[in-house]
C-alpha atoms as a PDB file:
ATOM      1  CA  UNK A   1      27.996   7.658  97.156  1.00  0.00           C
ATOM      2  CA  UNK A   2      27.865  10.546  99.673  1.00  0.00           C
ATOM      3  CA  UNK A   3      31.507   9.916 100.498  1.00  0.00           C
ATOM      4  CA  UNK A   4      32.483  10.219  96.825  1.00  0.00           C
ATOM      5  CA  UNK A   5      30.634  13.533  96.528  1.00  0.00           C
ATOM      6  CA  UNK A   6      32.250  14.843  99.725  1.00  0.00           C
ATOM      7  CA  UNK A   7      35.640  13.868  98.307  1.00  0.00           C
ATOM      8  CA  UNK A   8      35.082  15.897  95.120  1.00  0.00           C
ATOM      9  CA  UNK A   9      33.807  18.926  97.027  1.00  0.00           C
ATOM     10  CA  UNK A  10      36.661  18.692  99.532  1.00  0.00           C
ATOM     11  CA  UNK A  11      39.147  18.764  96.657  1.00  0.00           C
ATOM     12  CA  UNK A  12      37.892  22.174  95.529  1.00  0.00           C
ATOM     13  CA  UNK A  13      37.684  23.603  99.055  1.00  0.00           C
ATOM     14  CA  UNK A  14      40.890  25.554  98.476  1.00  0.00           C
ATOM     15  CA  UNK A  15      39.213  27.245  95.491  1.00  0.00           C
ATOM     16  CA  UNK A  16      36.313  28.638  97.522  1.00  0.00           C
ATOM     17  CA  UNK A  17      38.278  31.753  98.506  1.00  0.00           C
ATOM     18  CA  UNK A  18      39.173  32.283  94.854  1.00  0.00           C
ATOM     19  CA  UNK A  19      35.499  31.939  93.854  1.00  0.00           C
ATOM     20  CA  UNK A  20      34.470  34.319  96.650  1.00  0.00           C
ATOM     21  CA  UNK A  21      36.983  36.894  95.380  1.00  0.00           C
ATOM     22  CA  UNK A  22      35.648  36.531  91.837  1.00  0.00           C
ATOM     23  CA  UNK A  23      32.094  37.005  93.094  1.00  0.00           C
ATOM     24  CA  UNK A  24      33.077  40.262  94.821  1.00  0.00           C
ATOM     25  CA  UNK A  25      35.065  41.580  91.830  1.00  0.00           C
ATOM     26  CA  UNK A  26      32.471  40.681  89.190  1.00  0.00           C
ATOM     27  CA  UNK A  27      29.606  41.955  91.351  1.00  0.00           C
ATOM     28  CA  UNK A  28      31.371  45.310  91.708  1.00  0.00           C
ATOM     29  CA  UNK A  29      31.931  45.461  87.948  1.00  0.00           C
ATOM     30  CA  UNK A  30      28.286  44.509  87.416  1.00  0.00           C
ATOM     31  CA  UNK A  31      27.112  47.398  89.604  1.00  0.00           C
ATOM     32  CA  UNK A  32      29.269  49.718  87.498  1.00  0.00           C
ATOM     33  CA  UNK A  33      27.635  48.273  84.382  1.00  0.00           C
ATOM     34  CA  UNK A  34      30.962  46.992  83.057  1.00  0.00           C
ATOM     35  CA  UNK A  35      30.138  43.278  82.979  1.00  0.00           C
ATOM     36  CA  UNK A  36      27.309  40.751  82.909  1.00  0.00           C
ATOM     37  CA  UNK A  37      28.092  38.162  85.608  1.00  0.00           C
ATOM     38  CA  UNK A  38      25.264  35.753  84.716  1.00  0.00           C
ATOM     39  CA  UNK A  39      27.401  33.209  82.862  1.00  0.00           C
ATOM     40  CA  UNK A  40      30.967  33.736  84.068  1.00  0.00           C
ATOM     41  CA  UNK A  41      30.782  32.385  87.629  1.00  0.00           C
ATOM     42  CA  UNK A  42      28.842  29.171  86.857  1.00  0.00           C
ATOM     43  CA  UNK A  43      31.199  28.489  83.940  1.00  0.00           C
ATOM     44  CA  UNK A  44      34.225  28.968  86.198  1.00  0.00           C
ATOM     45  CA  UNK A  45      32.686  26.521  88.684  1.00  0.00           C
ATOM     46  CA  UNK A  46      32.652  23.855  85.948  1.00  0.00           C
ATOM     47  CA  UNK A  47      36.313  24.568  85.175  1.00  0.00           C
ATOM     48  CA  UNK A  48      37.088  24.208  88.891  1.00  0.00           C
ATOM     49  CA  UNK A  49      35.393  20.809  88.945  1.00  0.00           C
ATOM     50  CA  UNK A  50      37.277  19.760  85.811  1.00  0.00           C
ATOM     51  CA  UNK A  51      40.505  20.493  87.699  1.00  0.00           C
ATOM     52  CA  UNK A  52      39.612  17.692  90.159  1.00  0.00           C
ATOM     53  CA  UNK A  53      40.433  15.188  87.417  1.00  0.00           C
ATOM     54  CA  UNK A  54      44.069  16.285  87.696  1.00  0.00           C
ATOM     55  CA  UNK A  55      44.023  15.634  91.442  1.00  0.00           C
ATOM     56  CA  UNK A  56      42.440  12.234  90.839  1.00  0.00           C
ATOM     57  CA  UNK A  57      45.136  11.311  88.329  1.00  0.00           C
ATOM     58  CA  UNK A  58      47.952  12.525  90.593  1.00  0.00           C
ATOM     59  CA  UNK A  59      46.641  10.594  93.603  1.00  0.00           C
ATOM     60  CA  UNK A  60      45.701   7.532  91.493  1.00  0.00           C
ATOM     61  CA  UNK A  61      42.154   7.822  92.750  1.00  0.00           C
ATOM     62  CA  UNK A  62      40.606   5.870  89.868  1.00  0.00           C
ATOM     63  CA  UNK A  63      42.729   2.819  90.625  1.00  0.00           C
ATOM     64  CA  UNK A  64      41.726   2.989  94.291  1.00  0.00           C
ATOM     65  CA  UNK A  65      38.010   3.549  93.617  1.00  0.00           C
ATOM     66  CA  UNK A  66      38.014   0.538  91.283  1.00  0.00           C
ATOM     67  CA  UNK A  67      38.732  -1.686  94.312  1.00  0.00           C
ATOM     68  CA  UNK A  68      35.620  -0.471  96.183  1.00  0.00           C
ATOM     69  CA  UNK A  69      32.133  -2.000  95.791  1.00  0.00           C
ATOM     70  CA  UNK A  70      30.575  -0.245  92.772  1.00  0.00           C
ATOM     71  CA  UNK A  71      33.501   2.141  93.055  1.00  0.00           C
ATOM     72  CA  UNK A  72      33.792   2.843  89.355  1.00  0.00           C
ATOM     73  CA  UNK A  73      30.093   3.621  88.947  1.00  0.00           C
ATOM     74  CA  UNK A  74      29.901   5.699  92.116  1.00  0.00           C
ATOM     75  CA  UNK A  75      33.023   7.645  91.178  1.00  0.00           C
ATOM     76  CA  UNK A  76      31.529   8.717  87.841  1.00  0.00           C
ATOM     77  CA  UNK A  77      28.106   9.384  89.321  1.00  0.00           C
ATOM     78  CA  UNK A  78      29.597  11.494  92.125  1.00  0.00           C
ATOM     79  CA  UNK A  79      31.631  13.560  89.653  1.00  0.00           C
ATOM     80  CA  UNK A  80      28.499  14.419  87.665  1.00  0.00           C
ATOM     81  CA  UNK A  81      26.373  15.111  90.751  1.00  0.00           C
ATOM     82  CA  UNK A  82      29.074  17.264  92.386  1.00  0.00           C
ATOM     83  CA  UNK A  83      29.441  19.361  89.254  1.00  0.00           C
ATOM     84  CA  UNK A  84      25.679  19.773  88.814  1.00  0.00           C
ATOM     85  CA  UNK A  85      25.338  20.745  92.496  1.00  0.00           C
ATOM     86  CA  UNK A  86      28.094  23.362  92.256  1.00  0.00           C
ATOM     87  CA  UNK A  87      26.659  24.771  89.009  1.00  0.00           C
ATOM     88  CA  UNK A  88      23.183  25.083  90.541  1.00  0.00           C
ATOM     89  CA  UNK A  89      24.527  26.773  93.684  1.00  0.00           C
ATOM     90  CA  UNK A  90      26.637  29.229  91.678  1.00  0.00           C
ATOM     91  CA  UNK A  91      23.773  29.931  89.263  1.00  0.00           C
ATOM     92  CA  UNK A  92      21.315  30.617  92.101  1.00  0.00           C
ATOM     93  CA  UNK A  93      23.886  32.859  93.789  1.00  0.00           C
ATOM     94  CA  UNK A  94      24.549  34.653  90.507  1.00  0.00           C
ATOM     95  CA  UNK A  95      20.807  35.127  89.960  1.00  0.00           C
ATOM     96  CA  UNK A  96      20.416  36.687  93.414  1.00  0.00           C
ATOM     97  CA  UNK A  97      23.370  38.975  92.673  1.00  0.00           C
ATOM     98  CA  UNK A  98      21.803  39.878  89.324  1.00  0.00           C
ATOM     99  CA  UNK A  99      18.632  41.020  91.090  1.00  0.00           C
ATOM    100  CA  UNK A 100      20.691  43.080  93.545  1.00  0.00           C
ATOM    101  CA  UNK A 101      22.787  44.636  90.767  1.00  0.00           C
ATOM    102  CA  UNK A 102      19.634  45.363  88.736  1.00  0.00           C
ATOM    103  CA  UNK A 103      18.122  47.044  91.786  1.00  0.00           C
ATOM    104  CA  UNK A 104      21.129  49.341  92.144  1.00  0.00           C
ATOM    105  CA  UNK A 105      21.056  50.064  88.417  1.00  0.00           C
ATOM    106  CA  UNK A 106      17.269  50.583  88.560  1.00  0.00           C
ATOM    107  CA  UNK A 107      16.694  48.134  85.706  1.00  0.00           C
ATOM    108  CA  UNK A 108      15.084  45.045  87.235  1.00  0.00           C
ATOM    109  CA  UNK A 109      13.688  42.664  84.618  1.00  0.00           C
ATOM    110  CA  UNK A 110      12.577  39.525  86.439  1.00  0.00           C
ATOM    111  CA  UNK A 111      11.641  37.567  83.324  1.00  0.00           C
ATOM    112  CA  UNK A 112      14.936  38.317  81.612  1.00  0.00           C
ATOM    113  CA  UNK A 113      16.962  37.352  84.698  1.00  0.00           C
ATOM    114  CA  UNK A 114      15.131  34.024  85.084  1.00  0.00           C
ATOM    115  CA  UNK A 115      15.516  33.238  81.369  1.00  0.00           C
ATOM    116  CA  UNK A 116      19.219  34.033  81.669  1.00  0.00           C
ATOM    117  CA  UNK A 117      19.416  31.721  84.694  1.00  0.00           C
ATOM    118  CA  UNK A 118      17.957  28.822  82.692  1.00  0.00           C
ATOM    119  CA  UNK A 119      20.250  29.538  79.759  1.00  0.00           C
ATOM    120  CA  UNK A 120      23.257  29.698  82.084  1.00  0.00           C
ATOM    121  CA  UNK A 121      22.494  26.312  83.631  1.00  0.00           C
ATOM    122  CA  UNK A 122      22.014  24.765  80.184  1.00  0.00           C
ATOM    123  CA  UNK A 123      25.151  26.361  78.749  1.00  0.00           C
ATOM    124  CA  UNK A 124      27.452  25.395  81.612  1.00  0.00           C
ATOM    125  CA  UNK A 125      26.087  21.862  81.811  1.00  0.00           C
ATOM    126  CA  UNK A 126      26.791  21.453  78.085  1.00  0.00           C
ATOM    127  CA  UNK A 127      30.474  21.846  78.949  1.00  0.00           C
ATOM    128  CA  UNK A 128      30.106  18.962  81.407  1.00  0.00           C
ATOM    129  CA  UNK A 129      28.104  16.891  78.921  1.00  0.00           C
ATOM    130  CA  UNK A 130      30.709  17.046  76.176  1.00  0.00           C
ATOM    131  CA  UNK A 131      33.917  17.252  78.232  1.00  0.00           C
ATOM    132  CA  UNK A 132      33.525  14.521  80.858  1.00  0.00           C
ATOM    133  CA  UNK A 133      33.352  11.544  78.455  1.00  0.00           C
ATOM    134  CA  UNK A 134      36.378  12.945  76.614  1.00  0.00           C
ATOM    135  CA  UNK A 135      38.296  13.344  79.891  1.00  0.00           C
ATOM    136  CA  UNK A 136      37.469   9.814  81.010  1.00  0.00           C
ATOM    137  CA  UNK A 137      38.498   8.451  77.618  1.00  0.00           C
ATOM    138  CA  UNK A 138      41.691  10.388  76.874  1.00  0.00           C
ATOM    139  CA  UNK A 139      42.727  11.994  80.164  1.00  0.00           C
ATOM    140  CA  UNK A 140      42.600  15.583  81.378  1.00  0.00           C
ATOM    141  CA  UNK A 141      45.596  16.911  79.423  1.00  0.00           C
ATOM    142  CA  UNK A 142      44.410  15.737  75.997  1.00  0.00           C
ATOM    143  CA  UNK A 143      40.852  16.801  76.880  1.00  0.00           C
ATOM    144  CA  UNK A 144      42.015  20.363  77.539  1.00  0.00           C
ATOM    145  CA  UNK A 145      43.565  20.497  74.085  1.00  0.00           C
ATOM    146  CA  UNK A 146      40.358  19.063  72.644  1.00  0.00           C
ATOM    147  CA  UNK A 147      38.273  21.691  74.456  1.00  0.00           C
ATOM    148  CA  UNK A 148      40.479  24.483  73.109  1.00  0.00           C
ATOM    149  CA  UNK A 149      40.357  23.161  69.533  1.00  0.00           C
ATOM    150  CA  UNK A 150      36.654  22.318  69.762  1.00  0.00           C
ATOM    151  CA  UNK A 151      35.711  25.765  71.053  1.00  0.00           C
ATOM    152  CA  UNK A 152      37.472  27.569  68.227  1.00  0.00           C
ATOM    153  CA  UNK A 153      36.143  25.020  65.750  1.00  0.00           C
ATOM    154  CA  UNK A 154      32.559  25.710  66.811  1.00  0.00           C
ATOM    155  CA  UNK A 155      33.168  29.467  66.599  1.00  0.00           C
ATOM    156  CA  UNK A 156      34.551  29.122  63.060  1.00  0.00           C
ATOM    157  CA  UNK A 157      31.725  26.804  61.950  1.00  0.00           C
ATOM    158  CA  UNK A 158      29.124  29.096  63.495  1.00  0.00           C
ATOM    159  CA  UNK A 159      30.661  32.085  61.735  1.00  0.00           C
ATOM    160  CA  UNK A 160      30.637  30.293  58.378  1.00  0.00           C
ATOM    161  CA  UNK A 161      27.010  29.239  58.791  1.00  0.00           C
ATOM    162  CA  UNK A 162      25.938  32.784  59.621  1.00  0.00           C
ATOM    163  CA  UNK A 163      27.979  34.196  56.749  1.00  0.00           C
ATOM    164  CA  UNK A 164      27.071  31.804  53.933  1.00  0.00           C
ATOM    165  CA  UNK A 165      23.641  30.465  54.870  1.00  0.00           C
ATOM    166  CA  UNK A 166      20.443  32.429  55.129  1.00  0.00           C
ATOM    167  CA  UNK A 167      18.774  30.895  58.195  1.00  0.00           C
ATOM    168  CA  UNK A 168      15.233  32.058  58.862  1.00  0.00           C
ATOM    169  CA  UNK A 169      12.272  30.609  60.722  1.00  0.00           C
ATOM    170  CA  UNK A 170       8.577  30.946  60.057  1.00  0.00           C
ATOM    171  CA  UNK A 171       6.403  32.858  62.501  1.00  0.00           C
ATOM    172  CA  UNK A 172       4.813  29.587  63.673  1.00  0.00           C
ATOM    173  CA  UNK A 173       8.188  28.084  64.506  1.00  0.00           C
ATOM    174  CA  UNK A 174       9.255  31.228  66.352  1.00  0.00           C
ATOM    175  CA  UNK A 175       5.974  31.277  68.275  1.00  0.00           C
ATOM    176  CA  UNK A 176       6.396  27.600  69.201  1.00  0.00           C
ATOM    177  CA  UNK A 177       9.940  28.204  70.411  1.00  0.00           C
ATOM    178  CA  UNK A 178       8.843  31.214  72.416  1.00  0.00           C
ATOM    179  CA  UNK A 179       6.147  29.189  74.196  1.00  0.00           C
ATOM    180  CA  UNK A 180       8.036  25.940  74.747  1.00  0.00           C
ATOM    181  CA  UNK A 181      11.728  26.870  74.649  1.00  0.00           C
ATOM    182  CA  UNK A 182      12.305  26.335  78.382  1.00  0.00           C
ATOM    183  CA  UNK A 183      10.591  22.922  78.327  1.00  0.00           C
ATOM    184  CA  UNK A 184      12.565  21.871  75.240  1.00  0.00           C
ATOM    185  CA  UNK A 185      15.779  23.104  76.869  1.00  0.00           C
ATOM    186  CA  UNK A 186      15.162  21.204  80.118  1.00  0.00           C
ATOM    187  CA  UNK A 187      14.291  17.938  78.337  1.00  0.00           C
ATOM    188  CA  UNK A 188      17.263  18.261  75.977  1.00  0.00           C
ATOM    189  CA  UNK A 189      19.796  18.991  78.728  1.00  0.00           C
ATOM    190  CA  UNK A 190      18.529  16.188  80.990  1.00  0.00           C
ATOM    191  CA  UNK A 191      18.594  13.725  78.088  1.00  0.00           C
ATOM    192  CA  UNK A 192      22.113  14.747  77.075  1.00  0.00           C
ATOM    193  CA  UNK A 193      23.271  14.570  80.704  1.00  0.00           C
ATOM    194  CA  UNK A 194      22.021  11.016  81.000  1.00  0.00           C
ATOM    195  CA  UNK A 195      23.645   9.992  77.716  1.00  0.00           C
ATOM    196  CA  UNK A 196      26.912  11.661  78.711  1.00  0.00           C
ATOM    197  CA  UNK A 197      26.858   9.950  82.113  1.00  0.00           C
ATOM    198  CA  UNK A 198      26.208   6.508  80.622  1.00  0.00           C
ATOM    199  CA  UNK A 199      29.026   6.988  78.092  1.00  0.00           C
ATOM    200  CA  UNK A 200      31.435   8.013  80.878  1.00  0.00           C
ATOM    201  CA  UNK A 201      30.312   5.108  83.034  1.00  0.00           C
ATOM    202  CA  UNK A 202      30.841   2.650  80.184  1.00  0.00           C
ATOM    203  CA  UNK A 203      34.323   4.065  79.511  1.00  0.00           C
ATOM    204  CA  UNK A 204      35.349   3.767  83.178  1.00  0.00           C
ATOM    205  CA  UNK A 205      33.944   0.253  83.572  1.00  0.00           C
ATOM    206  CA  UNK A 206      36.074  -0.954  80.653  1.00  0.00           C
ATOM    207  CA  UNK A 207      39.183   1.016  81.572  1.00  0.00           C
ATOM    208  CA  UNK A 208      42.261  -0.616  83.082  1.00  0.00           C
ATOM    209  CA  UNK A 209      44.027   1.277  85.867  1.00  0.00           C
END
């Protein structure tokens, strides 16, 4: 398992300089008050991990891993764990940078930064949750098209809902969400991660390479 994770991380090693450059650029823009970096860097880290599927396909990694003991299962598990690890590292780094930027801008709001951190982890992991089963099922190229279409589809649907439906919540519901939102978010994301992983695992176990 450790070897599979090292393989995925080694594949993105060449992107570390690119990520470091983005961190510097976005941090500078954050200090100037031109950009909120809380979501961008973790999201980019997921896109970087998604690019490893192209390397796997080019090098016929899936066919090779299928010959190893529990290779199919470990390959899927490592892909999920590597992505989660990179997202957590980038989110923690982004949170530290947010505190530093807030200090320079004299507007430190610890609660807001920590809430943003939780939302960032949940939001970026949702990309993993929905994209990885699609990639394993249809391949990286078709999945990219699906992500593009799906993103705009969700934007359009969201816009229509806001425009044509009057959505309001009672004070009790809002109070409940305010008190338990983080717990609900954590349980939901973990549950969806597990479901996504099991779907991907099932797809890979049945796939012929």
